[in-house]
Amino acid sequence: MSIPSDLEIAREATLRPIAEIAARAGIPESALSPYGRYKAKIDLDFVAAQRSRPEGALVLVTGISPTAAGEGKTTTTIGLADALNASGARTMICLREPSLGPSFGMKGGATGGGYAQVLPMDEINLHFTGDFHAITAANNLLCAMIDNHIYWGNALGIDERRVSFRRAIDMNDRALRSTVVSLGGVANGFPREDGFDITVASEVMAVFCLARDLADLQERLGRIIVAERRDGTAVTARDLKADGAMSVLLRDAFAPNLVQTIAGSPALVHGGPFANIAHGCNSVMATTLGLRLADIVVTEAGFGADLGAEKFIDIKCRSAGLKPACSVIVATVRALKMHGGVAKSDLGREDAAAVERGLSNLRRHVENLRGFGLPVVVALNRFGSDTEAEFAVVREAMGALNVPVHVCTHWADGAAGAAELAATVRGIIDGGASSCAPLYPAEMKLAEKLRTIARRIYRAADIALDPGAERRLAAFEKAGFGHLPVCVAKTQYSFSADPTAMGAPEDHILPVRSVRLSAGAGFVVAICGDIMTMPGLPRVPAAEAIRLDAEGRIEGLF
């Protein structure tokens, strides 16, 4: 008997009208702006009216350092929420929207898998409700207004050599990383170097995800620094009078999106910054709304806990005043074997010794999350080749740390496959053991914040600051931005800046080649190693297998 694909399972699912899902979450139909029958935006007036309600408990799902074997973090987020709903706890899911870049590049989709999916899968993975197009348009409107201002006399005195704000597109396109604009003569402006970031790494995306309401959105957009004058003073989007028009472009997108899981759990899918080159969490708007509508909200932070979870706590929770009650670290035996040195082609063979070696990565993430004051549960996604001997190695190692481990089968069994995990999570929430707090105080120097992350989370011996980056950090502090948190952009595949250094490397040096000030978002980005803010497509992109069948249905997207 063949195992059905994620797409086949999604097509066989019976979706409920979105008004029915909204009613389960306490959202009246009058507060919905439907996008077809199965997805809708929630009116901002309704969102604002919920702000006086008490908040439920927040559960963070994160993972070990990702591998080519796959871990299933989104699938676990969905399976856990479905299981919590099945247990009687009113639960909502808060996820990021998928980017077209990885959908057509490496992954082919990001809506969970098996019987733990959010639907309609193909629509969410593609244009969805147009949020990313609005963010891209707002970003590029600002770019157009920068060059237009320079063209018409440059009253603000922008130094054309110091325009820092970059264009954006939601696609992996390495050819756009570094460009020259305004070629073709005087009528087209003044030629200068420029470049593109992928939309999910743009500051406009970060602003969109961290803003509390429309007023805060416009305020943050206005603070975006786009360039410097010759004397080094900053020029902002507000100086260009671009913040109002950008807010107009983003107004409708700013309303959270409501969809459903296969089991009918309500899910808010909104915003989508990457966790390796941005802060990696869904919107504050969606998370806070979910907390006021549900007893429990299950959310996910991107990539491994060293990136997504650290930024979730030090950036998102700090900014929004959130206090997670519990964390779930997702792992697989297959991924642990890869961290233990086994090639992907050999993962089907039992190798308890390799699992033991790979556990160094899981242990490190457990220690780090506990260092934040968060209780931890480990969810092991089960694959057909896994053995009881390999599970026993994980249980014994985590037992020594007093960390519960649950082997989960929600991909195949839906909510029932995560029932034990849900029971443990509810017990932790009821016990109130979380004392979650940021890693560093706001008043710490920026370089020391970066060094603290490197030493305590990555176990680096130190950081190596490029001299130019060191000067810029000092300039940021002089300009009054020293209180901001730091957002590290580095490879997701390792605790170090070397993507081939698996397991739990330590005593390495974290190379910081440049820093950027995201004054609107409210953090400083530190770009480490060879990481790029515009990814490229792989040798064989997922796009090659995505097509329409004879009936016009999408194939190959997942």
Protein backbone atom coordinates (compact mmCIF):
# COMPACT_ATOMS: atom_id res chain seq x y z
CA MET A 1 0.00 0.00 0.00
CA SER A 2 1.51 3.35 -1.09
CA ILE A 3 1.75 6.21 1.38
CA PRO A 4 -0.28 9.24 0.21
CA SER A 5 1.61 12.46 -0.41
CA ASP A 6 0.97 15.68 1.48
CA LEU A 7 -0.77 17.06 -1.60
CA GLU A 8 -3.02 14.00 -1.95
CA ILE A 9 -3.97 14.20 1.73
CA ALA A 10 -4.72 17.92 1.39
CA ARG A 11 -6.95 17.32 -1.65
CA GLU A 12 -8.91 14.59 0.14
CA ALA A 13 -9.59 16.80 3.17
CA THR A 14 -13.05 18.29 3.65
CA LEU A 15 -12.67 21.98 4.41
CA ARG A 16 -15.24 23.83 6.44
CA PRO A 17 -16.52 27.29 5.47
CA ILE A 18 -14.22 29.86 7.02
CA ALA A 19 -17.12 31.45 8.94
CA GLU A 20 -17.55 28.14 10.79
CA ILE A 21 -13.87 28.08 11.76
CA ALA A 22 -14.13 31.72 12.87
CA ALA A 23 -17.14 30.92 15.06
CA ARG A 24 -15.11 28.21 16.83
CA ALA A 25 -12.55 30.88 17.65
CA GLY A 26 -15.14 33.40 18.84
CA ILE A 27 -14.91 35.59 15.74
CA PRO A 28 -18.27 36.74 14.32
CA GLU A 29 -18.86 36.50 10.59
CA SER A 30 -19.30 40.28 10.50
CA ALA A 31 -15.59 40.62 11.43
CA LEU A 32 -14.42 38.62 8.41
CA SER A 33 -13.27 39.80 5.00
CA PRO A 34 -13.40 36.51 3.04
CA TYR A 35 -10.86 35.60 0.38
CA GLY A 36 -12.89 32.81 -1.20
CA ARG A 37 -14.64 30.16 0.94
CA TYR A 38 -11.73 28.92 3.07
CA LYS A 39 -9.60 31.89 4.05
CA ALA A 40 -10.33 35.34 5.40
CA LYS A 41 -8.84 38.41 6.95
CA ILE A 42 -10.02 39.54 10.38
CA ASP A 43 -11.13 43.16 10.54
CA LEU A 44 -8.79 45.43 12.47
CA ASP A 45 -11.67 46.97 14.44
CA PHE A 46 -12.47 43.52 15.85
CA VAL A 47 -8.79 42.95 16.64
CA ALA A 48 -8.63 46.25 18.53
CA ALA A 49 -11.77 45.41 20.51
CA GLN A 50 -10.12 42.27 21.94
CA ARG A 51 -7.20 44.09 23.58
CA SER A 52 -8.86 44.31 26.99
CA ARG A 53 -9.38 40.53 27.19
CA PRO A 54 -7.06 38.36 29.31
CA GLU A 55 -4.39 36.40 27.48
CA GLY A 56 -4.03 32.64 27.27
CA ALA A 57 -0.81 30.61 27.44
CA LEU A 58 1.83 30.81 24.71
CA VAL A 59 3.70 27.67 23.58
CA LEU A 60 6.82 28.04 21.42
CA VAL A 61 7.73 25.25 19.00
CA THR A 62 11.36 25.31 17.90
CA GLY A 63 13.87 22.73 16.74
CA ILE A 64 17.38 21.37 16.62
CA SER A 65 19.75 22.77 14.00
CA PRO A 66 18.08 21.79 10.71
CA THR A 67 19.45 19.11 8.42
CA ALA A 68 18.74 17.78 4.95
CA ALA A 69 16.83 14.94 6.64
CA GLY A 70 14.08 17.32 7.74
CA GLU A 71 12.62 17.71 11.23
CA GLY A 72 8.96 18.73 10.77
CA LYS A 73 8.66 21.77 13.03
CA THR A 74 5.58 23.22 11.33
CA THR A 75 3.97 19.78 11.18
CA THR A 76 4.52 19.40 14.93
CA THR A 77 3.12 22.87 15.64
CA ILE A 78 -0.07 21.91 13.83
CA GLY A 79 -0.28 18.39 15.24
CA LEU A 80 0.20 19.67 18.80
CA ALA A 81 -2.49 22.33 18.41
CA ASP A 82 -4.93 19.79 16.96
CA ALA A 83 -4.20 17.47 19.90
CA LEU A 84 -4.69 20.27 22.42
CA ASN A 85 -8.05 21.11 20.83
CA ALA A 86 -9.00 17.44 20.93
CA SER A 87 -8.17 17.40 24.65
CA GLY A 88 -10.63 20.21 25.33
CA ALA A 89 -8.25 23.18 25.48
CA ARG A 90 -9.35 26.02 23.19
CA THR A 91 -6.26 26.35 21.03
CA MET A 92 -5.19 28.50 18.09
CA ILE A 93 -2.13 28.25 15.86
CA CYS A 94 0.06 31.20 14.84
CA LEU A 95 2.35 30.56 11.87
CA ARG A 96 4.35 32.54 9.34
CA GLU A 97 3.27 32.82 5.74
CA PRO A 98 5.51 30.88 3.32
CA SER A 99 7.86 32.81 1.06
CA LEU A 100 7.85 32.12 -2.67
CA GLY A 101 11.65 31.95 -2.50
CA PRO A 102 11.93 28.59 -0.69
CA SER A 103 8.63 27.36 -2.15
CA PHE A 104 10.23 27.42 -5.61
CA GLY A 105 13.74 26.82 -4.30
CA MET A 106 14.47 24.18 -1.66
CA LYS A 107 11.28 23.24 0.16
CA GLY A 108 8.34 23.37 -2.23
CA GLY A 109 5.98 24.57 0.53
CA ALA A 110 5.66 25.31 4.25
CA THR A 111 2.21 24.41 5.54
CA GLY A 112 2.94 21.26 7.54
CA GLY A 113 2.50 17.76 6.22
CA GLY A 114 0.46 14.58 6.27
CA TYR A 115 -2.60 14.89 8.49
CA ALA A 116 -1.10 17.91 10.26
CA GLN A 117 -1.50 20.63 7.64
CA VAL A 118 -3.02 24.08 7.34
CA LEU A 119 -5.29 24.46 4.33
CA PRO A 120 -5.82 25.42 1.54
CA MET A 121 -2.20 24.35 1.18
CA ASP A 122 -1.56 25.45 -2.41
CA GLU A 123 -3.10 28.90 -1.94
CA ILE A 124 -1.21 29.57 1.31
CA ASN A 125 2.09 28.54 -0.31
CA LEU A 126 1.56 30.81 -3.30
CA HIS A 127 -0.12 34.24 -3.35
CA PHE A 128 -2.40 33.60 -0.32
CA THR A 129 -4.09 36.96 0.47
CA GLY A 130 -1.41 39.09 -1.21
CA ASP A 131 0.37 40.21 1.98
CA PHE A 132 3.88 39.66 0.63
CA HIS A 133 3.05 41.51 -2.58
CA ALA A 134 1.88 44.48 -0.48
CA ILE A 135 5.08 44.39 1.60
CA THR A 136 7.19 44.22 -1.56
CA ALA A 137 5.26 47.14 -3.07
CA ALA A 138 5.65 49.28 0.07
CA ASN A 139 9.38 48.53 0.18
CA ASN A 140 9.91 49.44 -3.47
CA LEU A 141 7.75 52.55 -3.27
CA LEU A 142 10.20 53.83 -0.68
CA CYS A 143 13.11 53.00 -3.01
CA ALA A 144 11.42 54.85 -5.87
CA MET A 145 10.86 57.89 -3.67
CA ILE A 146 14.54 57.94 -2.62
CA ASP A 147 15.75 58.10 -6.23
CA ASN A 148 12.97 60.47 -7.23
CA HIS A 149 13.95 62.86 -4.44
CA ILE A 150 17.57 62.83 -5.61
CA TYR A 151 16.50 63.39 -9.21
CA TRP A 152 14.39 66.45 -8.42
CA GLY A 153 17.13 68.39 -6.64
CA ASN A 154 17.93 66.38 -3.47
CA ALA A 155 16.67 68.97 -0.98
CA LEU A 156 17.50 66.63 1.91
CA GLY A 157 21.15 66.46 0.87
CA ILE A 158 21.26 62.65 0.50
CA ASP A 159 24.77 61.37 -0.17
CA GLU A 160 24.20 59.06 -3.15
CA ARG A 161 27.12 56.91 -2.00
CA ARG A 162 25.37 56.25 1.29
CA VAL A 163 21.89 55.11 0.27
CA SER A 164 21.45 52.01 2.46
CA PHE A 165 17.84 50.99 1.83
CA ARG A 166 17.59 48.20 -0.75
CA ARG A 167 14.92 47.02 -3.12
CA ALA A 168 13.09 43.74 -2.47
CA ILE A 169 11.51 40.84 -4.32
CA ASP A 170 10.02 37.65 -2.85
CA MET A 171 12.09 35.27 -4.94
CA ASN A 172 15.52 33.66 -4.71
CA ASP A 173 17.52 35.58 -7.34
CA ARG A 174 21.26 35.79 -6.74
CA ALA A 175 21.73 37.98 -9.83
CA LEU A 176 19.99 40.83 -7.99
CA ARG A 177 22.21 40.83 -4.89
CA SER A 178 24.34 43.67 -6.27
CA THR A 179 23.10 45.89 -9.08
CA VAL A 180 23.55 49.31 -10.67
CA VAL A 181 20.42 51.43 -11.15
CA SER A 182 19.55 54.52 -13.21
CA LEU A 183 21.57 53.59 -16.28
CA GLY A 184 20.54 54.99 -19.66
CA GLY A 185 21.08 58.71 -19.42
CA VAL A 186 20.15 61.80 -17.43
CA ALA A 187 16.41 61.24 -17.81
CA ASN A 188 16.69 58.02 -15.78
CA GLY A 189 18.40 59.54 -12.77
CA PHE A 190 21.91 59.26 -11.39
CA PRO A 191 23.63 55.85 -11.66
CA ARG A 192 24.57 54.26 -8.35
CA GLU A 193 25.17 50.85 -6.83
CA ASP A 194 22.11 49.16 -5.36
CA GLY A 195 20.83 45.66 -4.63
CA PHE A 196 17.87 43.52 -3.65
CA ASP A 197 17.00 41.61 -0.50
CA ILE A 198 14.41 38.86 -0.50
CA THR A 199 11.17 40.40 0.78
CA VAL A 200 11.11 38.25 3.92
CA ALA A 201 14.48 39.72 4.95
CA SER A 202 13.43 43.33 4.37
CA GLU A 203 12.99 45.84 7.17
CA VAL A 204 9.45 46.49 5.97
CA MET A 205 8.63 42.83 6.66
CA ALA A 206 10.13 43.14 10.16
CA VAL A 207 8.16 46.33 10.82
CA PHE A 208 4.98 44.64 9.59
CA CYS A 209 5.51 41.72 11.97
CA LEU A 210 6.49 43.71 15.07
CA ALA A 211 3.97 46.59 14.87
CA ARG A 212 1.17 46.53 17.46
CA ASP A 213 -1.44 48.50 15.49
CA LEU A 214 -1.78 50.75 12.44
CA ALA A 215 -0.47 53.80 14.29
CA ASP A 216 2.59 51.88 15.43
CA LEU A 217 3.03 50.54 11.88
CA GLN A 218 3.22 54.04 10.39
CA GLU A 219 5.44 55.27 13.21
CA ARG A 220 7.91 52.41 12.65
CA LEU A 221 7.85 52.86 8.87
CA GLY A 222 8.68 56.53 9.34
CA ARG A 223 11.74 55.64 11.45
CA ILE A 224 13.34 53.52 8.72
CA ILE A 225 16.74 55.02 7.89
CA VAL A 226 17.25 55.03 4.11
CA ALA A 227 20.47 56.98 3.65
CA GLU A 228 22.96 59.39 5.18
CA ARG A 229 23.97 62.94 4.34
CA ARG A 230 27.61 63.86 3.79
CA ASP A 231 27.85 64.89 7.45
CA GLY A 232 26.70 61.40 8.51
CA THR A 233 23.23 62.40 9.72
CA ALA A 234 20.39 60.04 8.91
CA VAL A 235 17.62 60.46 6.34
CA THR A 236 14.42 58.57 7.14
CA ALA A 237 11.31 57.47 5.30
CA ARG A 238 9.45 60.16 7.24
CA ASP A 239 11.85 62.79 5.90
CA LEU A 240 10.88 61.65 2.40
CA LYS A 241 7.17 61.73 3.37
CA ALA A 242 6.87 58.10 2.29
CA ASP A 243 5.54 56.59 5.51
CA GLY A 244 1.90 57.52 4.90
CA ALA A 245 1.72 55.98 1.43
CA MET A 246 3.56 52.87 2.63
CA SER A 247 1.01 52.48 5.42
CA VAL A 248 -1.80 52.75 2.89
CA LEU A 249 -0.28 49.93 0.85
CA LEU A 250 0.03 47.78 3.97
CA ARG A 251 -3.32 48.55 5.65
CA ASP A 252 -5.33 45.61 4.31
CA ALA A 253 -2.37 43.21 4.52
CA PHE A 254 -1.92 44.15 8.19
CA ALA A 255 -5.19 42.40 9.12
CA PRO A 256 -4.42 38.81 10.30
CA ASN A 257 -5.29 35.87 8.04
CA LEU A 258 -7.53 33.04 9.29
CA VAL A 259 -7.35 29.52 7.85
CA GLN A 260 -7.86 25.99 9.22
CA THR A 261 -6.08 22.71 9.79
CA ILE A 262 -7.29 19.40 8.37
CA ALA A 263 -8.82 18.77 11.81
CA GLY A 264 -10.58 22.15 11.81
CA SER A 265 -8.36 24.03 14.27
CA PRO A 266 -8.28 27.79 13.63
CA ALA A 267 -4.91 29.06 12.44
CA LEU A 268 -3.65 32.64 12.09
CA VAL A 269 -1.03 32.68 9.32
CA HIS A 270 0.45 36.16 9.08
CA GLY A 271 3.85 37.65 8.27
CA GLY A 272 6.90 35.62 7.35
CA PRO A 273 10.45 36.79 8.12
CA PHE A 274 13.26 34.23 7.75
CA ALA A 275 15.01 33.27 10.99
CA ASN A 276 18.52 32.99 9.56
CA ILE A 277 18.56 36.51 8.06
CA ALA A 278 15.67 38.19 9.91
CA HIS A 279 13.85 37.68 13.24
CA GLY A 280 11.87 34.63 12.10
CA CYS A 281 8.49 34.98 13.87
CA ASN A 282 4.92 35.55 12.74
CA SER A 283 3.23 38.90 13.39
CA VAL A 284 2.67 40.37 16.83
CA MET A 285 -0.85 41.24 15.60
CA ALA A 286 -1.70 37.57 15.01
CA THR A 287 -0.03 36.25 18.17
CA THR A 288 -1.66 38.74 20.53
CA LEU A 289 -5.06 38.27 18.88
CA GLY A 290 -4.76 34.50 19.29
CA LEU A 291 -3.82 34.87 22.95
CA ARG A 292 -6.99 36.87 23.59
CA LEU A 293 -9.25 34.42 21.79
CA ALA A 294 -7.84 31.09 22.99
CA ASP A 295 -6.71 29.31 26.15
CA ILE A 296 -3.49 28.22 24.40
CA VAL A 297 -1.65 29.56 21.36
CA VAL A 298 0.94 27.36 19.67
CA THR A 299 3.44 29.31 17.60
CA GLU A 300 6.64 28.50 15.76
CA ALA A 301 9.97 30.29 15.38
CA GLY A 302 12.06 29.53 12.32
CA PHE A 303 15.02 27.16 11.98
CA GLY A 304 16.87 25.95 15.09
CA ALA A 305 16.44 27.32 18.60
CA ASP A 306 19.78 29.16 18.38
CA LEU A 307 18.22 31.43 15.75
CA GLY A 308 14.42 31.43 15.84
CA ALA A 309 13.88 30.88 19.56
CA GLU A 310 16.62 33.32 20.61
CA LYS A 311 15.13 36.05 18.40
CA PHE A 312 11.60 35.15 19.48
CA ILE A 313 12.56 35.86 23.09
CA ASP A 314 15.12 38.65 22.71
CA ILE A 315 13.31 40.58 19.95
CA LYS A 316 9.62 39.66 19.62
CA CYS A 317 8.80 38.90 23.26
CA ARG A 318 10.84 41.87 24.48
CA SER A 319 9.08 44.21 22.04
CA ALA A 320 5.54 42.88 22.54
CA GLY A 321 5.69 41.97 26.23
CA LEU A 322 5.02 38.27 25.59
CA LYS A 323 5.76 35.53 28.17
CA PRO A 324 5.88 32.00 26.71
CA ALA A 325 4.83 29.26 29.12
CA CYS A 326 6.52 26.27 27.49
CA SER A 327 8.83 25.30 24.63
CA VAL A 328 8.83 22.21 22.43
CA ILE A 329 12.04 21.21 20.63
CA VAL A 330 11.39 19.15 17.50
CA ALA A 331 13.91 16.53 16.43
CA THR A 332 14.07 13.28 14.51
CA VAL A 333 16.29 10.24 14.85
CA ARG A 334 17.31 10.78 11.23
CA ALA A 335 18.45 14.35 11.89
CA LEU A 336 20.32 13.33 15.04
CA LYS A 337 22.17 10.69 13.02
CA MET A 338 23.19 13.35 10.50
CA HIS A 339 24.52 15.49 13.36
CA GLY A 340 26.35 12.35 14.41
CA GLY A 341 28.14 12.14 11.07
CA VAL A 342 25.91 9.80 9.03
CA ALA A 343 25.38 10.61 5.35
CA LYS A 344 21.80 11.21 4.19
CA SER A 345 21.96 8.11 1.98
CA ASP A 346 22.67 5.91 5.03
CA LEU A 347 19.97 7.18 7.37
CA GLY A 348 17.74 4.14 6.85
CA ARG A 349 20.11 1.86 8.80
CA GLU A 350 19.91 1.56 12.59
CA ASP A 351 22.80 3.39 14.22
CA ALA A 352 22.29 4.09 17.91
CA ALA A 353 25.90 5.22 18.28
CA ALA A 354 25.38 7.95 15.68
CA VAL A 355 22.22 9.06 17.50
CA GLU A 356 24.27 9.35 20.70
CA ARG A 357 26.88 11.48 18.92
CA GLY A 358 24.20 13.69 17.37
CA LEU A 359 22.54 14.27 20.73
CA SER A 360 25.16 16.93 21.44
CA ASN A 361 23.11 19.26 19.23
CA LEU A 362 19.83 18.54 21.01
CA ARG A 363 21.44 18.88 24.45
CA ARG A 364 22.83 22.29 23.50
CA HIS A 365 19.41 23.57 22.45
CA VAL A 366 17.81 22.21 25.62
CA GLU A 367 20.44 23.93 27.77
CA ASN A 368 19.97 27.20 25.89
CA LEU A 369 16.18 27.27 26.25
CA ARG A 370 16.42 26.41 29.92
CA GLY A 371 18.90 29.28 30.20
CA PHE A 372 16.08 31.59 29.15
CA GLY A 373 13.92 30.16 31.94
CA LEU A 374 11.70 28.08 29.64
CA PRO A 375 10.49 24.55 30.46
CA VAL A 376 11.35 22.17 27.61
CA VAL A 377 9.68 19.13 26.02
CA VAL A 378 11.23 17.14 23.16
CA ALA A 379 9.02 15.95 20.30
CA LEU A 380 10.54 13.19 18.15
CA ASN A 381 8.82 12.93 14.79
CA ARG A 382 8.72 9.26 13.90
CA PHE A 383 9.88 7.89 10.54
CA GLY A 384 9.38 4.35 9.29
CA SER A 385 13.08 3.47 9.56
CA ASP A 386 13.39 4.55 13.21
CA THR A 387 13.98 1.82 15.79
CA GLU A 388 13.18 1.42 19.47
CA ALA A 389 16.90 1.14 20.24
CA GLU A 390 17.45 4.59 18.73
CA PHE A 391 14.50 6.08 20.62
CA ALA A 392 15.88 4.59 23.83
CA VAL A 393 19.15 6.49 23.38
CA VAL A 394 17.27 9.78 23.14
CA ARG A 395 15.00 8.98 26.10
CA GLU A 396 17.95 8.04 28.30
CA ALA A 397 19.93 11.18 27.42
CA MET A 398 16.96 13.49 27.97
CA GLY A 399 15.93 11.60 31.09
CA ALA A 400 19.28 12.49 32.60
CA LEU A 401 18.32 16.13 32.06
CA ASN A 402 14.77 15.58 33.36
CA VAL A 403 13.34 16.52 29.95
CA PRO A 404 10.22 14.66 28.75
CA VAL A 405 10.44 13.00 25.32
CA HIS A 406 7.47 11.99 23.18
CA VAL A 407 7.64 10.02 19.95
CA CYS A 408 4.99 11.65 17.76
CA THR A 409 3.06 10.30 14.76
CA HIS A 410 0.82 13.24 13.91
CA TRP A 411 1.94 13.18 10.25
CA ALA A 412 0.18 9.83 9.86
CA ASP A 413 -2.34 9.93 12.71
CA GLY A 414 -3.25 13.61 13.10
CA ALA A 415 -4.18 14.79 16.60
CA ALA A 416 -4.04 11.29 18.10
CA GLY A 417 -0.35 11.09 17.18
CA ALA A 418 0.48 14.07 19.41
CA ALA A 419 -1.90 13.34 22.31
CA GLU A 420 0.84 12.48 24.82
CA LEU A 421 2.85 15.55 23.84
CA ALA A 422 -0.26 17.71 24.32
CA ALA A 423 -0.89 16.24 27.78
CA THR A 424 2.65 17.05 28.87
CA VAL A 425 2.44 20.59 27.49
CA ARG A 426 -0.84 21.19 29.34
CA GLY A 427 0.73 19.92 32.55
CA ILE A 428 3.65 22.32 32.19
CA ILE A 429 1.31 25.24 31.50
CA ASP A 430 -0.81 24.39 34.53
CA GLY A 431 2.33 24.10 36.65
CA GLY A 432 3.38 27.66 35.82
CA ALA A 433 7.09 26.81 35.83
CA SER A 434 8.17 29.31 33.17
CA SER A 435 10.32 32.26 34.20
CA CYS A 436 11.23 33.28 30.66
CA ALA A 437 13.40 36.39 30.34
CA PRO A 438 15.67 37.88 27.65
CA LEU A 439 19.30 36.85 27.40
CA TYR A 440 20.74 40.33 27.96
CA PRO A 441 19.61 43.72 29.30
CA ALA A 442 18.73 46.55 26.93
CA GLU A 443 21.41 48.81 28.37
CA MET A 444 24.28 46.44 27.44
CA LYS A 445 26.59 47.71 24.67
CA LEU A 446 25.72 46.41 21.19
CA ALA A 447 29.02 44.58 20.72
CA GLU A 448 28.58 42.95 24.13
CA LYS A 449 25.04 41.85 23.23
CA LEU A 450 26.45 40.20 20.14
CA ARG A 451 29.28 38.64 22.15
CA THR A 452 26.77 37.37 24.75
CA ILE A 453 24.70 35.62 22.07
CA ALA A 454 27.84 34.14 20.52
CA ARG A 455 29.24 32.84 23.80
CA ARG A 456 26.09 31.69 25.58
CA ILE A 457 24.00 30.41 22.66
CA TYR A 458 26.60 29.38 20.06
CA ARG A 459 29.36 28.54 22.61
CA ALA A 460 31.83 30.61 20.60
CA ALA A 461 35.10 31.68 22.17
CA ASP A 462 34.54 35.21 20.91
CA ILE A 463 33.39 37.33 17.99
CA ALA A 464 35.60 38.80 15.27
CA LEU A 465 34.19 42.21 14.42
CA ASP A 466 35.18 43.70 11.08
CA PRO A 467 36.69 47.13 11.83
CA GLY A 468 34.01 48.82 9.74
CA ALA A 469 31.29 46.97 11.64
CA GLU A 470 32.85 47.98 14.94
CA ARG A 471 32.83 51.64 13.90
CA ARG A 472 29.20 51.42 12.80
CA LEU A 473 28.14 49.88 16.12
CA ALA A 474 29.79 52.77 17.91
CA ALA A 475 27.99 55.20 15.59
CA PHE A 476 24.65 53.51 16.26
CA GLU A 477 25.19 53.93 19.99
CA LYS A 478 26.19 57.58 19.60
CA ALA A 479 22.98 58.17 17.61
CA GLY A 480 20.87 56.76 20.46
CA PHE A 481 20.27 53.20 19.24
CA GLY A 482 22.41 51.35 21.76
CA HIS A 483 19.34 50.03 23.61
CA LEU A 484 18.17 47.93 20.65
CA PRO A 485 18.45 44.12 20.58
CA VAL A 486 20.70 42.37 18.07
CA CYS A 487 19.41 40.16 15.25
CA VAL A 488 22.11 37.74 14.11
CA ALA A 489 22.10 36.72 10.46
CA LYS A 490 24.06 33.50 10.04
CA THR A 491 23.78 29.98 8.68
CA GLN A 492 20.98 27.92 10.17
CA TYR A 493 22.84 24.63 9.82
CA SER A 494 25.34 25.07 12.64
CA PHE A 495 25.92 26.81 15.95
CA SER A 496 28.94 28.33 14.21
CA ALA A 497 29.14 30.38 11.01
CA ASP A 498 30.37 27.26 9.18
CA PRO A 499 27.38 25.31 7.77
CA THR A 500 29.40 22.08 7.68
CA ALA A 501 30.18 22.16 11.43
CA MET A 502 27.36 19.96 12.70
CA GLY A 503 26.69 18.66 16.19
CA ALA A 504 27.65 21.17 18.88
CA PRO A 505 30.89 22.97 17.95
CA GLU A 506 32.41 25.21 20.59
CA ASP A 507 35.31 27.62 21.09
CA HIS A 508 34.94 28.83 17.49
CA ILE A 509 35.09 32.48 16.44
CA LEU A 510 31.94 34.14 15.09
CA PRO A 511 32.99 36.41 12.19
CA VAL A 512 30.82 39.55 11.94
CA ARG A 513 31.44 41.07 8.52
CA SER A 514 28.89 43.90 8.62
CA VAL A 515 26.06 45.41 10.65
CA ARG A 516 22.85 47.20 9.64
CA LEU A 517 20.58 49.43 11.66
CA SER A 518 16.88 48.59 11.36
CA ALA A 519 15.61 51.60 13.27
CA GLY A 520 11.99 51.06 12.24
CA ALA A 521 11.91 47.40 13.19
CA GLY A 522 13.83 48.17 16.36
CA PHE A 523 16.95 46.01 16.13
CA VAL A 524 20.50 45.90 14.78
CA VAL A 525 21.33 43.19 12.24
CA ALA A 526 24.75 41.51 12.47
CA ILE A 527 25.66 39.68 9.25
CA CYS A 528 27.99 36.80 10.03
CA GLY A 529 30.06 34.50 7.84
CA ASP A 530 28.89 33.98 4.28
CA ILE A 531 25.15 34.43 4.86
CA MET A 532 23.27 36.36 2.15
CA THR A 533 20.12 38.47 2.52
CA MET A 534 19.17 37.42 -1.01
CA PRO A 535 19.34 33.61 -1.34
CA GLY A 536 19.99 31.84 -4.62
CA LEU A 537 18.21 28.87 -6.15
CA PRO A 538 19.79 25.41 -5.73
CA ARG A 539 21.20 23.42 -8.65
CA VAL A 540 17.84 21.68 -9.03
CA PRO A 541 15.16 24.10 -7.78
CA ALA A 542 11.79 22.83 -6.59
CA ALA A 543 10.27 24.99 -9.34
CA GLU A 544 11.34 22.41 -11.93
CA ALA A 545 8.80 19.93 -10.55
CA ILE A 546 5.91 22.38 -10.03
CA ARG A 547 3.33 22.43 -12.81
CA LEU A 548 -0.37 22.26 -13.72
CA ASP A 549 -1.98 18.92 -14.54
CA ALA A 550 -4.49 18.33 -17.34
CA GLU A 551 -7.30 19.56 -15.08
CA GLY A 552 -5.51 22.77 -14.16
CA ARG A 553 -4.59 21.61 -10.65
CA ILE A 554 -1.21 22.39 -9.11
CA GLU A 555 1.27 19.50 -8.93
CA GLY A 556 4.66 19.29 -7.24
CA LEU A 557 4.08 22.00 -4.64
CA PHE A 558 5.18 19.90 -1.63
